[in-house]
């Protein structure tokens, strides 16, 4: 049985929150990328990726998040809400925790 993965996209005032849920790996990364692409095309002031409901993230998932955080003209800025100790450990080990725009939930 495949692990379950879902992505919720929620409007919070002038922000769009993208909330991946479950295990983010190679097989489901395109689903997150599609949701982020949609969120980044809105007129939101900011896009927030909330990692608190992730159980696992692999290098493909990291790549999707890094791509989304790359500032491009005409796109809203992206920030991240820290995930569980396990998920956050992946960001720490790769050195991305200090390079990506994390914020408080």
C-alpha atoms as a PDB file:
ATOM      1  CA  UNK A   1       0.000   0.000   0.000  1.00  0.00           C
ATOM      2  CA  UNK A   2       1.387   3.401  -0.971  1.00  0.00           C
ATOM      3  CA  UNK A   3       1.949   5.994   1.720  1.00  0.00           C
ATOM      4  CA  UNK A   4      -0.627   8.737   1.711  1.00  0.00           C
ATOM      5  CA  UNK A   5       0.296  12.241   0.650  1.00  0.00           C
ATOM      6  CA  UNK A   6      -1.854  15.292   0.237  1.00  0.00           C
ATOM      7  CA  UNK A   7      -1.381  19.019  -0.278  1.00  0.00           C
ATOM      8  CA  UNK A   8      -3.798  21.578   1.088  1.00  0.00           C
ATOM      9  CA  UNK A   9      -3.844  25.129  -0.259  1.00  0.00           C
ATOM     10  CA  UNK A  10      -5.435  27.627   2.114  1.00  0.00           C
ATOM     11  CA  UNK A  11      -6.082  31.370   1.967  1.00  0.00           C
ATOM     12  CA  UNK A  12      -5.091  33.252   5.126  1.00  0.00           C
ATOM     13  CA  UNK A  13      -5.812  36.957   4.731  1.00  0.00           C
ATOM     14  CA  UNK A  14      -3.322  38.156   2.080  1.00  0.00           C
ATOM     15  CA  UNK A  15      -1.227  34.969   2.216  1.00  0.00           C
ATOM     16  CA  UNK A  16      -1.623  31.598   0.529  1.00  0.00           C
ATOM     17  CA  UNK A  17      -0.509  28.655   2.665  1.00  0.00           C
ATOM     18  CA  UNK A  18       0.585  25.409   1.036  1.00  0.00           C
ATOM     19  CA  UNK A  19       0.478  22.514   3.509  1.00  0.00           C
ATOM     20  CA  UNK A  20       2.023  19.206   2.418  1.00  0.00           C
ATOM     21  CA  UNK A  21       0.794  16.275   4.532  1.00  0.00           C
ATOM     22  CA  UNK A  22       2.465  12.869   4.882  1.00  0.00           C
ATOM     23  CA  UNK A  23       5.591  11.640   3.120  1.00  0.00           C
ATOM     24  CA  UNK A  24       7.110  13.898   0.475  1.00  0.00           C
ATOM     25  CA  UNK A  25       9.271  11.874  -1.891  1.00  0.00           C
ATOM     26  CA  UNK A  26      10.024  11.378  -5.579  1.00  0.00           C
ATOM     27  CA  UNK A  27       6.624   9.856  -6.325  1.00  0.00           C
ATOM     28  CA  UNK A  28       4.559  12.745  -4.990  1.00  0.00           C
ATOM     29  CA  UNK A  29       6.883  15.733  -5.447  1.00  0.00           C
ATOM     30  CA  UNK A  30       5.122  16.740  -8.714  1.00  0.00           C
ATOM     31  CA  UNK A  31       1.885  17.169  -6.752  1.00  0.00           C
ATOM     32  CA  UNK A  32       3.571  19.641  -4.392  1.00  0.00           C
ATOM     33  CA  UNK A  33       5.247  21.434  -7.310  1.00  0.00           C
ATOM     34  CA  UNK A  34       1.870  21.868  -9.048  1.00  0.00           C
ATOM     35  CA  UNK A  35       0.250  23.269  -5.894  1.00  0.00           C
ATOM     36  CA  UNK A  36       3.141  25.670  -5.342  1.00  0.00           C
ATOM     37  CA  UNK A  37       3.058  26.812  -8.965  1.00  0.00           C
ATOM     38  CA  UNK A  38      -0.643  27.618  -8.598  1.00  0.00           C
ATOM     39  CA  UNK A  39      -0.074  29.473  -5.308  1.00  0.00           C
ATOM     40  CA  UNK A  40       2.794  31.477  -6.807  1.00  0.00           C
ATOM     41  CA  UNK A  41       0.559  32.646  -9.662  1.00  0.00           C
ATOM     42  CA  UNK A  42      -1.939  34.255  -7.292  1.00  0.00           C
ATOM     43  CA  UNK A  43      -1.912  37.864  -6.149  1.00  0.00           C
ATOM     44  CA  UNK A  44      -1.010  36.801  -2.587  1.00  0.00           C
ATOM     45  CA  UNK A  45       1.324  39.032  -0.608  1.00  0.00           C
ATOM     46  CA  UNK A  46       3.274  35.933   0.423  1.00  0.00           C
ATOM     47  CA  UNK A  47       3.185  32.158  -0.053  1.00  0.00           C
ATOM     48  CA  UNK A  48       3.839  30.128   3.088  1.00  0.00           C
ATOM     49  CA  UNK A  49       4.887  26.470   2.982  1.00  0.00           C
ATOM     50  CA  UNK A  50       3.854  24.890   6.283  1.00  0.00           C
ATOM     51  CA  UNK A  51       6.012  21.798   6.930  1.00  0.00           C
ATOM     52  CA  UNK A  52       4.446  20.832  10.271  1.00  0.00           C
ATOM     53  CA  UNK A  53       2.340  17.994   8.828  1.00  0.00           C
ATOM     54  CA  UNK A  54       5.162  16.355   6.886  1.00  0.00           C
ATOM     55  CA  UNK A  55       6.410  13.017   8.196  1.00  0.00           C
ATOM     56  CA  UNK A  56       9.293  12.605   5.750  1.00  0.00           C
ATOM     57  CA  UNK A  57      11.049  14.615   3.065  1.00  0.00           C
ATOM     58  CA  UNK A  58      13.616  13.381   0.548  1.00  0.00           C
ATOM     59  CA  UNK A  59      16.013  15.222  -1.762  1.00  0.00           C
ATOM     60  CA  UNK A  60      13.366  15.591  -4.473  1.00  0.00           C
ATOM     61  CA  UNK A  61      11.023  17.283  -2.012  1.00  0.00           C
ATOM     62  CA  UNK A  62      13.856  19.545  -0.879  1.00  0.00           C
ATOM     63  CA  UNK A  63      14.455  20.524  -4.490  1.00  0.00           C
ATOM     64  CA  UNK A  64      10.820  21.497  -4.997  1.00  0.00           C
ATOM     65  CA  UNK A  65      10.909  23.684  -1.883  1.00  0.00           C
ATOM     66  CA  UNK A  66      14.227  25.326  -2.813  1.00  0.00           C
ATOM     67  CA  UNK A  67      12.869  26.073  -6.315  1.00  0.00           C
ATOM     68  CA  UNK A  68       9.755  27.674  -4.818  1.00  0.00           C
ATOM     69  CA  UNK A  69      11.875  29.831  -2.492  1.00  0.00           C
ATOM     70  CA  UNK A  70      13.947  31.175  -5.379  1.00  0.00           C
ATOM     71  CA  UNK A  71      12.802  34.747  -5.878  1.00  0.00           C
ATOM     72  CA  UNK A  72      11.569  35.551  -9.350  1.00  0.00           C
ATOM     73  CA  UNK A  73      10.219  38.797 -10.724  1.00  0.00           C
ATOM     74  CA  UNK A  74       6.452  39.011 -10.468  1.00  0.00           C
ATOM     75  CA  UNK A  75       6.091  36.222  -7.903  1.00  0.00           C
ATOM     76  CA  UNK A  76       5.207  36.649  -4.245  1.00  0.00           C
ATOM     77  CA  UNK A  77       7.947  35.826  -1.727  1.00  0.00           C
ATOM     78  CA  UNK A  78       7.899  32.397  -0.080  1.00  0.00           C
ATOM     79  CA  UNK A  79       8.519  31.575   3.574  1.00  0.00           C
ATOM     80  CA  UNK A  80       8.562  28.281   5.449  1.00  0.00           C
ATOM     81  CA  UNK A  81       7.121  27.129   8.769  1.00  0.00           C
ATOM     82  CA  UNK A  82       9.459  24.654  10.472  1.00  0.00           C
ATOM     83  CA  UNK A  83       8.494  21.003  10.475  1.00  0.00           C
ATOM     84  CA  UNK A  84       8.969  18.221  12.994  1.00  0.00           C
ATOM     85  CA  UNK A  85      12.379  17.537  14.475  1.00  0.00           C
ATOM     86  CA  UNK A  86      12.920  14.774  11.907  1.00  0.00           C
ATOM     87  CA  UNK A  87      11.920  16.921   8.922  1.00  0.00           C
ATOM     88  CA  UNK A  88      13.812  19.946  10.206  1.00  0.00           C
ATOM     89  CA  UNK A  89      16.867  17.734  10.680  1.00  0.00           C
ATOM     90  CA  UNK A  90      16.999  17.195   6.917  1.00  0.00           C
ATOM     91  CA  UNK A  91      17.154  20.956   6.390  1.00  0.00           C
ATOM     92  CA  UNK A  92      19.829  21.257   9.089  1.00  0.00           C
ATOM     93  CA  UNK A  93      22.032  18.453   7.723  1.00  0.00           C
ATOM     94  CA  UNK A  94      21.919  19.858   4.189  1.00  0.00           C
ATOM     95  CA  UNK A  95      22.708  23.389   5.369  1.00  0.00           C
ATOM     96  CA  UNK A  96      19.429  24.684   3.951  1.00  0.00           C
ATOM     97  CA  UNK A  97      17.992  25.690   7.336  1.00  0.00           C
ATOM     98  CA  UNK A  98      20.207  28.764   7.420  1.00  0.00           C
ATOM     99  CA  UNK A  99      19.665  29.601   3.737  1.00  0.00           C
ATOM    100  CA  UNK A 100      15.899  29.357   3.421  1.00  0.00           C
ATOM    101  CA  UNK A 101      13.346  31.870   4.768  1.00  0.00           C
ATOM    102  CA  UNK A 102      11.974  30.071   7.858  1.00  0.00           C
ATOM    103  CA  UNK A 103       9.512  31.904  10.082  1.00  0.00           C
ATOM    104  CA  UNK A 104       7.359  31.200  13.132  1.00  0.00           C
ATOM    105  CA  UNK A 105       4.034  29.453  12.566  1.00  0.00           C
END
